N, C-alpha and C. Protein backbone atom coordinates (compact mmCIF):
# COMPACT_ATOMS: atom_id res chain seq x y z
N MET A 1 3.40 -100.04 3.90
CA MET A 1 2.27 -100.17 4.37
C MET A 1 2.29 -100.12 6.51
N VAL A 2 1.84 -99.64 7.05
CA VAL A 2 2.42 -99.46 8.15
C VAL A 2 1.41 -100.43 9.09
N ARG A 3 2.25 -101.09 10.23
CA ARG A 3 1.44 -101.81 11.42
C ARG A 3 1.10 -101.31 12.53
N GLN A 4 -0.16 -101.08 13.18
CA GLN A 4 -0.42 -100.51 14.28
C GLN A 4 -1.30 -101.65 15.19
N ARG A 5 -0.57 -101.37 16.28
CA ARG A 5 -1.14 -102.20 17.34
C ARG A 5 -2.18 -101.56 18.13
N SER A 6 -3.18 -102.42 18.40
CA SER A 6 -4.33 -102.20 19.28
C SER A 6 -4.14 -101.83 20.63
N ASN A 7 -4.67 -101.04 21.68
CA ASN A 7 -4.58 -100.63 23.24
C ASN A 7 -5.06 -102.28 23.74
N ARG A 8 -6.13 -102.38 23.37
CA ARG A 8 -7.27 -103.49 23.83
C ARG A 8 -6.45 -104.85 23.77
N ASP A 9 -5.77 -105.44 22.71
CA ASP A 9 -5.47 -106.69 22.63
C ASP A 9 -4.02 -106.59 21.91
N SER A 10 -2.79 -107.24 22.25
CA SER A 10 -1.69 -107.12 21.77
C SER A 10 -1.67 -107.98 20.84
N GLU A 11 -2.43 -109.08 20.47
CA GLU A 11 -2.10 -109.87 19.17
C GLU A 11 -3.43 -109.22 18.15
N SER A 12 -4.13 -108.29 18.16
CA SER A 12 -4.49 -108.38 17.06
C SER A 12 -3.77 -107.03 16.32
N VAL A 13 -3.51 -107.07 14.67
CA VAL A 13 -3.08 -105.90 14.35
C VAL A 13 -4.12 -105.65 13.13
N VAL A 14 -3.84 -103.77 13.30
CA VAL A 14 -4.17 -103.51 11.96
C VAL A 14 -3.28 -102.32 11.59
N LEU A 15 -3.64 -102.93 9.64
CA LEU A 15 -2.52 -103.08 8.99
C LEU A 15 -3.46 -101.46 8.27
N VAL A 16 -2.46 -100.57 7.82
CA VAL A 16 -3.23 -99.32 7.37
C VAL A 16 -1.89 -98.89 6.14
N ALA A 17 -2.88 -98.48 4.84
CA ALA A 17 -1.97 -98.54 3.36
C ALA A 17 -1.78 -97.13 2.99
N LYS A 18 -0.69 -96.94 3.44
CA LYS A 18 -0.38 -95.49 2.87
C LYS A 18 0.18 -95.69 1.39
N MET A 19 -0.93 -94.86 0.51
CA MET A 19 0.16 -94.57 -1.13
C MET A 19 1.17 -94.41 -0.91
N SER A 20 2.19 -94.58 -1.84
CA SER A 20 3.35 -93.88 -2.32
C SER A 20 3.49 -92.56 -3.16
N ASN A 21 4.33 -92.05 -2.48
CA ASN A 21 4.34 -90.69 -3.17
C ASN A 21 4.40 -91.35 -4.88
N TYR A 22 5.10 -91.94 -5.45
CA TYR A 22 5.83 -92.67 -6.10
C TYR A 22 4.67 -92.98 -7.52
N VAL A 23 4.12 -93.65 -6.72
CA VAL A 23 2.48 -94.49 -6.99
C VAL A 23 1.75 -93.20 -7.33
N ILE A 24 1.34 -92.11 -6.32
CA ILE A 24 0.25 -91.12 -6.95
C ILE A 24 1.39 -90.27 -8.13
N LEU A 25 2.37 -90.24 -8.39
CA LEU A 25 3.24 -89.06 -9.49
C LEU A 25 3.06 -90.34 -10.84
N ALA A 26 3.18 -91.69 -10.29
CA ALA A 26 2.85 -92.61 -11.74
C ALA A 26 0.99 -92.51 -12.23
N LEU A 27 0.55 -92.64 -11.31
CA LEU A 27 -0.72 -92.14 -11.68
C LEU A 27 -1.20 -91.04 -12.15
N PHE A 28 -1.02 -90.48 -12.50
CA PHE A 28 -0.31 -88.80 -12.66
C PHE A 28 -0.18 -88.09 -14.01
N VAL A 29 0.80 -89.10 -13.79
CA VAL A 29 1.45 -89.13 -14.96
C VAL A 29 0.22 -90.13 -16.21
N VAL A 30 0.16 -91.58 -15.75
CA VAL A 30 -0.57 -91.98 -16.64
C VAL A 30 -1.99 -91.47 -17.57
N ALA A 31 -2.50 -89.97 -16.19
CA ALA A 31 -4.08 -89.65 -16.35
C ALA A 31 -3.61 -88.59 -17.44
N VAL A 32 -2.25 -88.11 -17.08
CA VAL A 32 -1.62 -87.10 -18.51
C VAL A 32 -1.56 -87.53 -19.94
N TYR A 33 -1.01 -88.41 -20.02
CA TYR A 33 -0.43 -89.05 -21.04
C TYR A 33 -1.96 -89.80 -21.84
N GLY A 34 -2.65 -90.29 -21.16
CA GLY A 34 -3.78 -90.90 -21.75
C GLY A 34 -4.92 -89.78 -21.69
N SER A 35 -4.88 -89.00 -21.66
CA SER A 35 -5.71 -87.88 -21.97
C SER A 35 -5.16 -87.13 -23.15
N TRP A 36 -3.64 -86.97 -23.27
CA TRP A 36 -3.02 -86.38 -24.27
C TRP A 36 -3.12 -87.08 -25.66
N PHE A 37 -3.37 -89.04 -25.12
CA PHE A 37 -3.50 -89.56 -26.14
C PHE A 37 -4.94 -89.12 -27.38
N VAL A 38 -5.80 -89.39 -25.73
CA VAL A 38 -7.57 -89.43 -26.66
C VAL A 38 -7.27 -88.36 -27.13
N TYR A 39 -6.62 -87.15 -27.25
CA TYR A 39 -7.00 -85.24 -27.89
C TYR A 39 -6.43 -85.96 -29.27
N GLU A 40 -5.27 -86.59 -28.96
CA GLU A 40 -4.43 -86.76 -30.50
C GLU A 40 -5.27 -87.54 -31.27
N GLN A 41 -5.70 -88.48 -30.94
CA GLN A 41 -6.44 -89.68 -31.94
C GLN A 41 -7.70 -88.82 -32.25
N GLN A 42 -8.43 -88.44 -31.42
CA GLN A 42 -9.81 -87.43 -32.15
C GLN A 42 -9.43 -86.24 -32.48
N TYR A 43 -8.30 -85.37 -32.32
CA TYR A 43 -8.27 -84.09 -33.27
C TYR A 43 -7.02 -83.77 -34.04
N LEU A 44 -6.07 -84.67 -33.44
CA LEU A 44 -4.78 -84.17 -34.32
C LEU A 44 -4.62 -85.06 -35.39
N ASN A 45 -4.83 -86.22 -35.75
CA ASN A 45 -4.82 -87.59 -36.57
C ASN A 45 -5.81 -87.62 -37.40
N LEU A 46 -6.72 -87.44 -37.10
CA LEU A 46 -8.05 -86.90 -38.25
C LEU A 46 -7.86 -85.59 -39.71
N PRO A 47 -8.28 -86.27 -40.32
CA PRO A 47 -7.54 -85.48 -41.88
C PRO A 47 -8.48 -83.90 -41.92
N LYS A 48 -7.68 -82.95 -42.85
CA LYS A 48 -8.41 -81.55 -42.27
C LYS A 48 -9.43 -82.05 -43.38
N PRO A 49 -10.40 -81.14 -43.65
CA PRO A 49 -12.06 -80.80 -43.92
C PRO A 49 -10.99 -80.73 -45.60
N LEU A 50 -11.78 -81.05 -46.82
CA LEU A 50 -11.64 -80.42 -48.03
C LEU A 50 -12.30 -79.29 -48.14
N GLY A 51 -12.09 -78.67 -48.98
CA GLY A 51 -12.64 -77.42 -49.82
C GLY A 51 -13.53 -78.27 -51.06
N ALA A 52 -14.21 -77.47 -51.94
CA ALA A 52 -14.62 -77.80 -53.33
C ALA A 52 -13.86 -77.81 -54.57
N GLN A 53 -12.78 -77.23 -54.47
CA GLN A 53 -11.41 -77.31 -55.11
C GLN A 53 -10.11 -78.20 -55.49
N GLN A 54 -10.41 -78.33 -54.01
CA GLN A 54 -9.09 -79.32 -53.68
C GLN A 54 -9.67 -80.97 -53.67
N VAL A 55 -11.07 -81.53 -53.59
CA VAL A 55 -11.66 -82.93 -53.67
C VAL A 55 -12.04 -82.87 -55.23
N GLY A 56 -11.96 -81.99 -56.02
CA GLY A 56 -12.51 -82.43 -57.48
C GLY A 56 -13.94 -82.26 -57.89
N LYS A 57 -14.10 -82.76 -58.88
CA LYS A 57 -15.78 -82.45 -59.69
C LYS A 57 -16.46 -83.60 -58.71
N ARG A 58 -15.91 -85.15 -58.85
CA ARG A 58 -15.97 -86.25 -57.86
C ARG A 58 -16.24 -86.48 -56.50
N GLY A 59 -15.58 -85.59 -55.68
CA GLY A 59 -15.17 -85.86 -54.34
C GLY A 59 -16.20 -85.01 -53.59
N PHE A 60 -16.07 -85.25 -52.10
CA PHE A 60 -16.88 -84.54 -51.26
C PHE A 60 -16.51 -83.94 -50.50
N SER A 61 -16.82 -82.77 -50.06
CA SER A 61 -16.85 -81.69 -50.09
C SER A 61 -17.25 -80.98 -48.08
N GLU A 62 -16.46 -81.75 -47.53
CA GLU A 62 -16.72 -81.38 -46.19
C GLU A 62 -17.35 -79.72 -45.96
N HIS A 63 -16.42 -78.96 -46.45
CA HIS A 63 -16.56 -77.19 -46.54
C HIS A 63 -17.73 -76.87 -46.72
N GLU A 64 -18.35 -77.60 -48.49
CA GLU A 64 -19.45 -77.30 -48.79
C GLU A 64 -20.75 -77.98 -47.93
N ALA A 65 -20.73 -79.33 -46.76
CA ALA A 65 -21.33 -79.84 -46.31
C ALA A 65 -21.94 -78.76 -45.32
N ILE A 66 -20.98 -78.54 -44.53
CA ILE A 66 -20.96 -77.54 -43.33
C ILE A 66 -21.92 -75.83 -43.72
N GLN A 67 -21.58 -75.74 -44.70
CA GLN A 67 -22.23 -74.70 -45.15
C GLN A 67 -23.93 -74.77 -45.36
N HIS A 68 -24.47 -75.90 -45.19
CA HIS A 68 -25.69 -76.62 -45.51
C HIS A 68 -26.17 -77.11 -44.64
N VAL A 69 -25.16 -77.30 -43.10
CA VAL A 69 -25.68 -77.12 -41.92
C VAL A 69 -26.19 -75.86 -41.28
N ILE A 70 -24.95 -74.79 -41.63
CA ILE A 70 -25.50 -73.78 -41.26
C ILE A 70 -27.05 -72.70 -41.54
N ALA A 71 -26.93 -72.97 -43.08
CA ALA A 71 -28.11 -72.52 -43.67
C ALA A 71 -29.47 -73.25 -43.40
N LEU A 72 -29.37 -75.04 -42.90
CA LEU A 72 -30.49 -74.96 -41.83
C LEU A 72 -30.58 -74.48 -40.64
N THR A 73 -29.19 -74.18 -40.01
CA THR A 73 -29.73 -73.35 -38.55
C THR A 73 -30.31 -72.83 -38.80
N GLN A 74 -30.34 -71.29 -39.33
CA GLN A 74 -30.96 -70.33 -39.71
C GLN A 74 -32.55 -70.25 -39.63
N PHE A 75 -33.08 -71.40 -40.34
CA PHE A 75 -34.67 -71.49 -39.64
C PHE A 75 -35.68 -71.32 -38.31
N GLY A 76 -33.99 -71.66 -37.45
CA GLY A 76 -34.60 -71.64 -36.54
C GLY A 76 -34.97 -73.07 -35.57
N PRO A 77 -35.79 -73.35 -34.82
CA PRO A 77 -36.33 -74.65 -34.08
C PRO A 77 -37.18 -74.95 -35.49
N HIS A 78 -37.04 -76.16 -35.64
CA HIS A 78 -37.67 -76.99 -36.48
C HIS A 78 -38.06 -78.44 -35.76
N PRO A 79 -39.09 -78.59 -35.08
CA PRO A 79 -39.32 -79.80 -34.33
C PRO A 79 -40.56 -80.44 -35.78
N VAL A 80 -40.48 -81.58 -35.31
CA VAL A 80 -41.42 -82.64 -36.36
C VAL A 80 -42.47 -82.09 -36.16
N GLY A 81 -43.39 -81.99 -37.41
CA GLY A 81 -44.51 -81.79 -37.65
C GLY A 81 -44.54 -80.31 -37.52
N SER A 82 -44.10 -79.78 -37.30
CA SER A 82 -43.85 -77.94 -37.66
C SER A 82 -43.44 -77.69 -39.30
N PRO A 83 -44.36 -76.37 -39.22
CA PRO A 83 -44.36 -75.84 -40.68
C PRO A 83 -42.76 -75.24 -40.51
N ALA A 84 -41.32 -74.95 -39.90
CA ALA A 84 -40.50 -75.06 -40.16
C ALA A 84 -39.97 -75.67 -40.88
N LEU A 85 -40.33 -76.87 -40.43
CA LEU A 85 -39.72 -78.33 -40.52
C LEU A 85 -40.03 -78.53 -42.27
N ASP A 86 -41.46 -78.27 -42.51
CA ASP A 86 -41.35 -77.82 -44.17
C ASP A 86 -40.49 -77.39 -44.64
N HIS A 87 -40.28 -76.00 -44.44
CA HIS A 87 -39.13 -75.35 -45.10
C HIS A 87 -37.76 -75.80 -45.10
N ALA A 88 -37.59 -76.45 -44.12
CA ALA A 88 -36.15 -77.19 -44.00
C ALA A 88 -36.23 -78.11 -45.49
N LEU A 89 -36.90 -78.99 -45.52
CA LEU A 89 -37.35 -80.03 -46.02
C LEU A 89 -37.01 -79.59 -47.63
N GLN A 90 -37.48 -78.49 -48.00
CA GLN A 90 -38.01 -77.99 -49.25
C GLN A 90 -36.66 -77.45 -49.63
N TYR A 91 -35.93 -76.60 -48.67
CA TYR A 91 -34.54 -76.38 -48.36
C TYR A 91 -33.40 -77.53 -49.08
N VAL A 92 -33.62 -78.33 -48.15
CA VAL A 92 -32.80 -79.96 -48.71
C VAL A 92 -32.90 -79.96 -50.31
N LEU A 93 -34.34 -80.48 -49.99
CA LEU A 93 -34.67 -80.76 -51.98
C LEU A 93 -34.07 -79.83 -52.93
N GLN A 94 -33.94 -78.67 -52.41
CA GLN A 94 -33.40 -77.78 -53.50
C GLN A 94 -32.22 -77.98 -53.54
N ALA A 95 -31.70 -77.83 -52.80
CA ALA A 95 -29.82 -78.36 -52.57
C ALA A 95 -29.66 -79.78 -53.71
N ILE A 96 -30.64 -80.37 -53.31
CA ILE A 96 -29.81 -81.75 -53.78
C ILE A 96 -30.56 -81.41 -55.22
N GLU A 97 -31.52 -80.99 -56.02
CA GLU A 97 -31.80 -80.45 -57.30
C GLU A 97 -30.29 -79.86 -57.69
N ASN A 98 -29.91 -78.95 -57.06
CA ASN A 98 -28.80 -77.95 -57.52
C ASN A 98 -27.33 -79.17 -57.70
N ILE A 99 -27.05 -80.20 -56.41
CA ILE A 99 -26.08 -81.13 -56.49
C ILE A 99 -26.38 -82.13 -58.15
N LYS A 100 -27.67 -82.10 -58.29
CA LYS A 100 -28.05 -82.74 -59.73
C LYS A 100 -27.62 -81.82 -60.77
N GLU A 101 -28.04 -80.44 -60.90
CA GLU A 101 -27.63 -80.16 -62.13
C GLU A 101 -26.06 -79.81 -62.03
N THR A 102 -25.10 -79.92 -61.21
CA THR A 102 -23.88 -79.19 -61.07
C THR A 102 -23.12 -80.66 -60.93
N ALA A 103 -23.44 -81.63 -61.05
CA ALA A 103 -22.64 -82.90 -60.61
C ALA A 103 -22.11 -83.38 -62.01
N HIS A 104 -20.92 -83.81 -61.76
CA HIS A 104 -19.83 -84.29 -63.37
C HIS A 104 -20.67 -85.49 -63.63
N TRP A 105 -20.11 -85.15 -65.01
CA TRP A 105 -21.29 -86.42 -65.65
C TRP A 105 -20.73 -87.41 -65.30
N GLU A 106 -19.85 -87.85 -64.71
CA GLU A 106 -19.19 -89.49 -64.90
C GLU A 106 -20.09 -89.61 -63.15
N VAL A 107 -20.78 -89.06 -62.54
CA VAL A 107 -21.62 -88.90 -61.19
C VAL A 107 -23.16 -89.26 -61.29
N ASP A 108 -23.77 -90.22 -61.42
CA ASP A 108 -24.85 -90.27 -60.43
C ASP A 108 -25.57 -89.68 -59.38
N VAL A 109 -26.68 -89.45 -60.08
CA VAL A 109 -27.36 -88.80 -58.10
C VAL A 109 -28.82 -89.16 -58.50
N GLU A 110 -29.09 -90.32 -56.81
CA GLU A 110 -31.01 -90.67 -57.21
C GLU A 110 -31.49 -89.78 -55.91
N LEU A 111 -32.30 -89.51 -56.48
CA LEU A 111 -33.27 -89.15 -55.06
C LEU A 111 -34.36 -90.33 -54.75
N ASP A 112 -34.37 -90.69 -53.26
CA ASP A 112 -35.35 -91.35 -53.23
C ASP A 112 -36.31 -90.49 -51.74
N LEU A 113 -37.70 -89.93 -52.56
CA LEU A 113 -38.19 -89.17 -51.38
C LEU A 113 -39.50 -90.14 -50.57
N PHE A 114 -40.08 -90.43 -49.42
CA PHE A 114 -40.97 -91.47 -49.66
C PHE A 114 -41.39 -90.59 -48.11
N HIS A 115 -42.95 -91.36 -47.66
CA HIS A 115 -43.40 -90.19 -46.24
C HIS A 115 -44.05 -91.46 -45.21
N ALA A 116 -43.27 -91.49 -44.36
CA ALA A 116 -44.23 -92.70 -43.40
C ALA A 116 -45.60 -91.76 -42.73
N LYS A 117 -46.69 -92.36 -42.83
CA LYS A 117 -47.55 -92.68 -42.21
C LYS A 117 -47.55 -92.40 -40.57
N SER A 118 -46.76 -93.74 -40.24
CA SER A 118 -46.72 -94.08 -38.92
C SER A 118 -46.41 -95.11 -38.07
N GLY A 119 -45.66 -95.08 -36.95
CA GLY A 119 -44.45 -96.08 -37.07
C GLY A 119 -44.32 -96.13 -35.42
N ALA A 120 -43.82 -97.22 -34.55
CA ALA A 120 -43.07 -96.84 -33.59
C ALA A 120 -42.18 -98.16 -33.03
N ASN A 121 -41.16 -97.00 -32.13
CA ASN A 121 -39.92 -97.95 -31.58
C ASN A 121 -39.82 -98.31 -30.56
N HIS A 122 -39.73 -99.44 -30.10
CA HIS A 122 -39.65 -99.64 -28.73
C HIS A 122 -38.36 -99.82 -28.07
N MET A 123 -38.21 -98.93 -27.04
CA MET A 123 -36.71 -98.50 -25.98
C MET A 123 -36.41 -99.99 -25.48
N VAL A 124 -35.56 -100.43 -25.40
CA VAL A 124 -35.10 -101.69 -25.02
C VAL A 124 -33.80 -101.47 -23.94
N GLY A 125 -33.26 -100.17 -23.87
CA GLY A 125 -31.90 -100.09 -23.01
C GLY A 125 -32.16 -98.49 -22.91
N GLY A 126 -31.04 -98.01 -21.93
CA GLY A 126 -31.07 -96.79 -21.53
C GLY A 126 -31.97 -95.86 -20.77
N LEU A 127 -31.78 -95.15 -20.80
CA LEU A 127 -32.48 -93.98 -20.24
C LEU A 127 -34.28 -94.08 -20.29
N PHE A 128 -34.72 -94.82 -21.64
CA PHE A 128 -36.37 -94.86 -22.25
C PHE A 128 -36.58 -96.20 -22.70
N LYS A 129 -35.42 -97.42 -21.20
CA LYS A 129 -36.61 -98.45 -21.43
C LYS A 129 -37.22 -98.57 -20.59
N GLY A 130 -37.97 -99.72 -21.88
CA GLY A 130 -39.43 -99.85 -21.77
C GLY A 130 -40.56 -98.58 -22.39
N LYS A 131 -40.00 -97.80 -22.51
CA LYS A 131 -40.93 -96.80 -23.80
C LYS A 131 -41.21 -97.11 -24.92
N THR A 132 -41.86 -96.56 -25.46
CA THR A 132 -42.34 -96.55 -26.78
C THR A 132 -42.45 -95.22 -27.43
N LEU A 133 -41.57 -94.69 -28.87
CA LEU A 133 -41.41 -93.61 -29.23
C LEU A 133 -42.26 -94.05 -30.27
N VAL A 134 -43.38 -93.35 -30.77
CA VAL A 134 -44.78 -93.14 -31.32
C VAL A 134 -44.35 -91.91 -32.10
N TYR A 135 -44.48 -92.39 -33.92
CA TYR A 135 -44.23 -91.32 -34.68
C TYR A 135 -45.04 -91.51 -36.03
N SER A 136 -45.01 -89.73 -36.37
CA SER A 136 -46.43 -89.87 -37.92
C SER A 136 -46.12 -88.96 -38.60
N ASP A 137 -46.84 -89.52 -39.70
CA ASP A 137 -46.57 -88.43 -40.93
C ASP A 137 -44.67 -87.77 -40.75
N LEU A 138 -43.93 -88.25 -40.77
CA LEU A 138 -42.58 -88.27 -41.64
C LEU A 138 -42.21 -88.30 -42.82
N ASN A 139 -41.51 -86.94 -43.11
CA ASN A 139 -40.84 -87.40 -44.70
C ASN A 139 -39.20 -87.74 -44.92
N HIS A 140 -38.76 -88.78 -45.46
CA HIS A 140 -37.87 -89.16 -45.35
C HIS A 140 -37.00 -88.85 -46.92
N ILE A 141 -35.77 -88.37 -47.22
CA ILE A 141 -35.15 -88.27 -47.96
C ILE A 141 -34.33 -89.63 -47.96
N VAL A 142 -33.79 -89.76 -49.11
CA VAL A 142 -32.41 -90.94 -49.36
C VAL A 142 -31.93 -89.79 -50.46
N LEU A 143 -30.82 -89.68 -50.50
CA LEU A 143 -29.67 -89.51 -51.69
C LEU A 143 -28.41 -90.39 -51.82
N ARG A 144 -28.86 -91.00 -53.17
CA ARG A 144 -27.43 -91.53 -53.40
C ARG A 144 -26.54 -90.99 -54.42
N ILE A 145 -25.25 -90.94 -54.25
CA ILE A 145 -24.27 -90.34 -55.46
C ILE A 145 -23.48 -91.11 -55.67
N SER A 146 -23.13 -92.04 -57.25
CA SER A 146 -21.93 -92.76 -57.06
C SER A 146 -21.64 -92.58 -58.07
N PRO A 147 -20.41 -93.47 -58.96
CA PRO A 147 -20.04 -93.22 -60.02
C PRO A 147 -20.63 -94.12 -60.87
N LYS A 148 -21.00 -93.29 -62.41
CA LYS A 148 -21.45 -94.27 -63.72
C LYS A 148 -21.18 -95.34 -63.71
N TYR A 149 -19.76 -95.15 -64.16
CA TYR A 149 -18.96 -96.39 -64.84
C TYR A 149 -18.59 -97.14 -63.86
N ALA A 150 -18.64 -97.13 -62.67
CA ALA A 150 -18.10 -98.34 -61.25
C ALA A 150 -19.39 -99.02 -60.68
N ALA A 151 -19.29 -100.31 -61.35
CA ALA A 151 -20.93 -100.82 -60.71
C ALA A 151 -20.59 -101.43 -59.33
N GLU A 152 -19.39 -101.74 -59.40
CA GLU A 152 -18.56 -101.63 -57.44
C GLU A 152 -19.18 -100.74 -56.61
N ALA A 153 -19.05 -99.44 -57.25
CA ALA A 153 -19.47 -98.65 -56.18
C ALA A 153 -21.28 -98.70 -55.35
N THR A 154 -21.90 -99.29 -56.25
CA THR A 154 -23.29 -98.71 -56.09
C THR A 154 -22.97 -100.03 -54.92
N GLU A 155 -22.50 -101.41 -54.78
CA GLU A 155 -22.49 -102.07 -53.68
C GLU A 155 -21.66 -102.31 -52.47
N ASN A 156 -20.82 -100.98 -52.90
CA ASN A 156 -20.35 -100.53 -51.38
C ASN A 156 -20.54 -99.57 -51.32
N ALA A 157 -21.41 -98.78 -50.70
CA ALA A 157 -21.48 -97.45 -50.36
C ALA A 157 -21.71 -97.05 -49.11
N ILE A 158 -21.45 -96.19 -48.67
CA ILE A 158 -21.36 -95.90 -47.28
C ILE A 158 -22.85 -94.47 -47.32
N LEU A 159 -23.90 -95.04 -46.04
CA LEU A 159 -25.00 -94.45 -46.23
C LEU A 159 -24.46 -93.06 -44.61
N VAL A 160 -25.00 -91.83 -44.84
CA VAL A 160 -24.65 -90.94 -44.39
C VAL A 160 -26.27 -90.56 -43.88
N SER A 161 -26.45 -90.54 -42.38
CA SER A 161 -27.89 -90.25 -42.15
C SER A 161 -27.81 -89.38 -41.29
N SER A 162 -28.91 -88.12 -41.45
CA SER A 162 -28.95 -87.20 -40.51
C SER A 162 -30.24 -86.81 -40.31
N HIS A 163 -31.27 -86.02 -39.09
CA HIS A 163 -31.84 -86.02 -38.97
C HIS A 163 -31.93 -84.23 -39.50
N ILE A 164 -33.32 -83.80 -40.08
CA ILE A 164 -33.58 -82.44 -40.69
C ILE A 164 -33.88 -81.59 -39.11
N ASP A 165 -35.01 -82.56 -38.55
CA ASP A 165 -35.38 -81.79 -37.71
C ASP A 165 -34.47 -81.32 -36.33
N THR A 166 -34.63 -80.87 -35.70
CA THR A 166 -33.96 -79.91 -34.93
C THR A 166 -33.76 -80.65 -33.12
N VAL A 167 -35.16 -80.73 -32.60
CA VAL A 167 -35.82 -81.11 -31.32
C VAL A 167 -36.13 -82.40 -30.99
N PHE A 168 -36.39 -83.28 -30.34
CA PHE A 168 -37.21 -84.16 -30.15
C PHE A 168 -38.31 -84.11 -29.64
N SER A 169 -38.95 -83.29 -29.33
CA SER A 169 -40.78 -83.43 -28.82
C SER A 169 -40.99 -82.63 -30.29
N ALA A 170 -42.43 -82.86 -30.23
CA ALA A 170 -43.26 -82.88 -31.48
C ALA A 170 -43.61 -81.36 -31.46
N TYR A 171 -44.41 -80.96 -32.26
CA TYR A 171 -44.86 -79.79 -32.69
C TYR A 171 -46.67 -79.64 -32.36
N VAL A 172 -46.89 -79.22 -31.14
CA VAL A 172 -48.10 -78.96 -31.01
C VAL A 172 -48.28 -77.79 -31.49
N SER A 173 -49.91 -77.99 -32.55
CA SER A 173 -50.76 -76.34 -32.74
C SER A 173 -51.74 -76.00 -32.34
């Protein structure tokens, strides 16, 4: 810190804070190492995606899952209410039938398809606070894959959820 005297009054003192070069260097080093730590935790410590041969007959293959995502993107935009969304839904149902047919004999595959007529979600925070999202005529698919001979597996399931529609807006015909 540097003290400077005012010309008008000899008793008033103005303090000017001057940041040390060491403090600036330390902040830079902390920022670099902090960025590296975040990168390492998010990208280098995650397990590698497994292929179908590596997971065996009962495992989950990230490689196979991403192939379905790529296939769904080939349909182009398919917003809620559009005919393209119906095509994407049919693709997912066909993929589920294929999973059922090729599943290991120790694995149980259950499909639940249901239709929601209408509903609303009241937004309580964020950008859309106070707004209400209204939806209607939506199809939902729930697929449960579990081991047949492990009763505790059905009680300790993990839900993986996604949207088949690609955009937030509704289709206007």
